[in-house]
Amino acid sequence: MSCNFSNKSMYNEISDFSILKVFGISIRPRKVSKPIQVLWSFPLASYIKVNIDCIVRDFIGLVACAEIFRGGMGKFVGCFSSFPDI
């Protein structure tokens, strides 16, 4: 069965693949972007560096964020996580 009435790509979630496979629908997964290497560097001695990472799953209304604070020479200062409303 091939019911591709759209030229849109899908989210690359295992659940998407599994459900579509059950119905015999061919899929167009998104192409994986080229990974890049990101190097982390220590903040200056009198500074605090904040690293933030968030994930958004807009199709289910989920947002999750985590923050970590590091002082001079990478010393751990604190961290927290949050689940803001979207």
Protein backbone atom coordinates (compact mmCIF):
# COMPACT_ATOMS: atom_id res chain seq x y z
CA MET A 1 0.00 0.00 0.00
CA SER A 2 1.33 3.41 -0.86
CA CYS A 3 -0.68 6.40 0.34
CA ASN A 4 1.81 9.20 0.08
CA PHE A 5 -0.33 12.23 -0.70
CA SER A 6 2.22 14.52 0.91
CA ASN A 7 5.80 15.41 0.12
CA LYS A 8 6.47 16.37 3.76
CA SER A 9 9.07 14.54 5.80
CA MET A 10 8.31 12.92 9.14
CA TYR A 11 9.85 13.04 12.57
CA ASN A 12 12.36 10.22 12.99
CA GLU A 13 10.69 8.60 15.99
CA ILE A 14 10.67 4.82 16.39
CA SER A 15 6.93 4.95 17.15
CA ASP A 16 6.31 6.71 13.80
CA PHE A 17 8.17 3.99 11.91
CA SER A 18 6.41 1.18 13.79
CA ILE A 19 2.90 2.50 13.29
CA LEU A 20 3.37 3.24 9.59
CA LYS A 21 5.01 -0.14 9.00
CA VAL A 22 1.93 -1.92 10.44
CA PHE A 23 -0.24 -0.21 7.81
CA GLY A 24 2.26 -0.89 5.00
CA ILE A 25 2.80 2.80 4.31
CA SER A 26 6.07 3.81 2.73
CA ILE A 27 7.87 6.57 4.58
CA ARG A 28 10.13 9.54 3.90
CA PRO A 29 12.32 10.00 6.98
CA ARG A 30 14.15 13.29 7.41
CA LYS A 31 17.75 13.35 6.31
CA VAL A 32 20.24 13.40 9.13
CA SER A 33 22.08 16.67 9.26
CA LYS A 34 25.84 16.62 9.33
CA PRO A 35 27.09 16.50 12.94
CA ILE A 36 29.47 19.22 14.06
CA GLN A 37 32.00 19.09 16.85
CA VAL A 38 31.52 21.71 19.55
CA LEU A 39 34.38 22.35 21.94
CA TRP A 40 33.66 23.55 25.46
CA SER A 41 36.10 25.95 27.08
CA PHE A 42 36.53 27.04 30.69
CA PRO A 43 35.14 30.44 31.65
CA LEU A 44 37.49 33.11 32.96
CA ALA A 45 38.19 32.83 36.69
CA SER A 46 35.74 35.61 37.67
CA TYR A 47 32.93 34.46 35.33
CA ILE A 48 30.19 31.81 35.48
CA LYS A 49 29.34 29.92 32.32
CA VAL A 50 25.81 28.63 31.73
CA ASN A 51 25.14 25.72 29.40
CA ILE A 52 21.49 25.22 28.43
CA ASP A 53 19.94 22.31 26.58
CA CYS A 54 16.26 22.03 25.68
CA ILE A 55 14.08 19.62 23.77
CA VAL A 56 10.73 20.52 22.22
CA ARG A 57 8.18 17.98 21.09
CA ASP A 58 5.52 20.36 19.80
CA PHE A 59 3.28 17.61 18.49
CA ILE A 60 2.73 16.38 22.08
CA GLY A 61 3.21 19.72 23.84
CA LEU A 62 6.37 18.83 25.77
CA VAL A 63 9.29 21.11 26.54
CA ALA A 64 12.14 20.16 28.86
CA CYS A 65 15.21 22.24 29.66
CA ALA A 66 18.32 21.69 31.76
CA GLU A 67 20.93 24.23 32.80
CA ILE A 68 24.34 23.77 34.37
CA PHE A 69 26.50 26.53 35.84
CA ARG A 70 30.28 26.29 35.98
CA GLY A 71 32.81 28.73 37.43
CA GLY A 72 36.49 29.28 36.74
CA MET A 73 38.39 26.15 35.66
CA GLY A 74 35.07 24.36 35.09
CA LYS A 75 34.18 24.06 38.79
CA PHE A 76 30.54 22.98 39.26
CA VAL A 77 28.42 25.79 40.73
CA GLY A 78 24.85 24.51 40.30
CA CYS A 79 22.21 23.12 37.98
CA PHE A 80 18.47 22.82 37.51
CA SER A 81 15.88 21.50 35.09
CA SER A 82 12.49 22.83 34.11
CA PHE A 83 9.41 21.92 32.10
CA PRO A 84 8.03 25.24 30.80
CA ASP A 85 4.56 25.44 29.28
CA ILE A 86 4.26 26.02 25.55
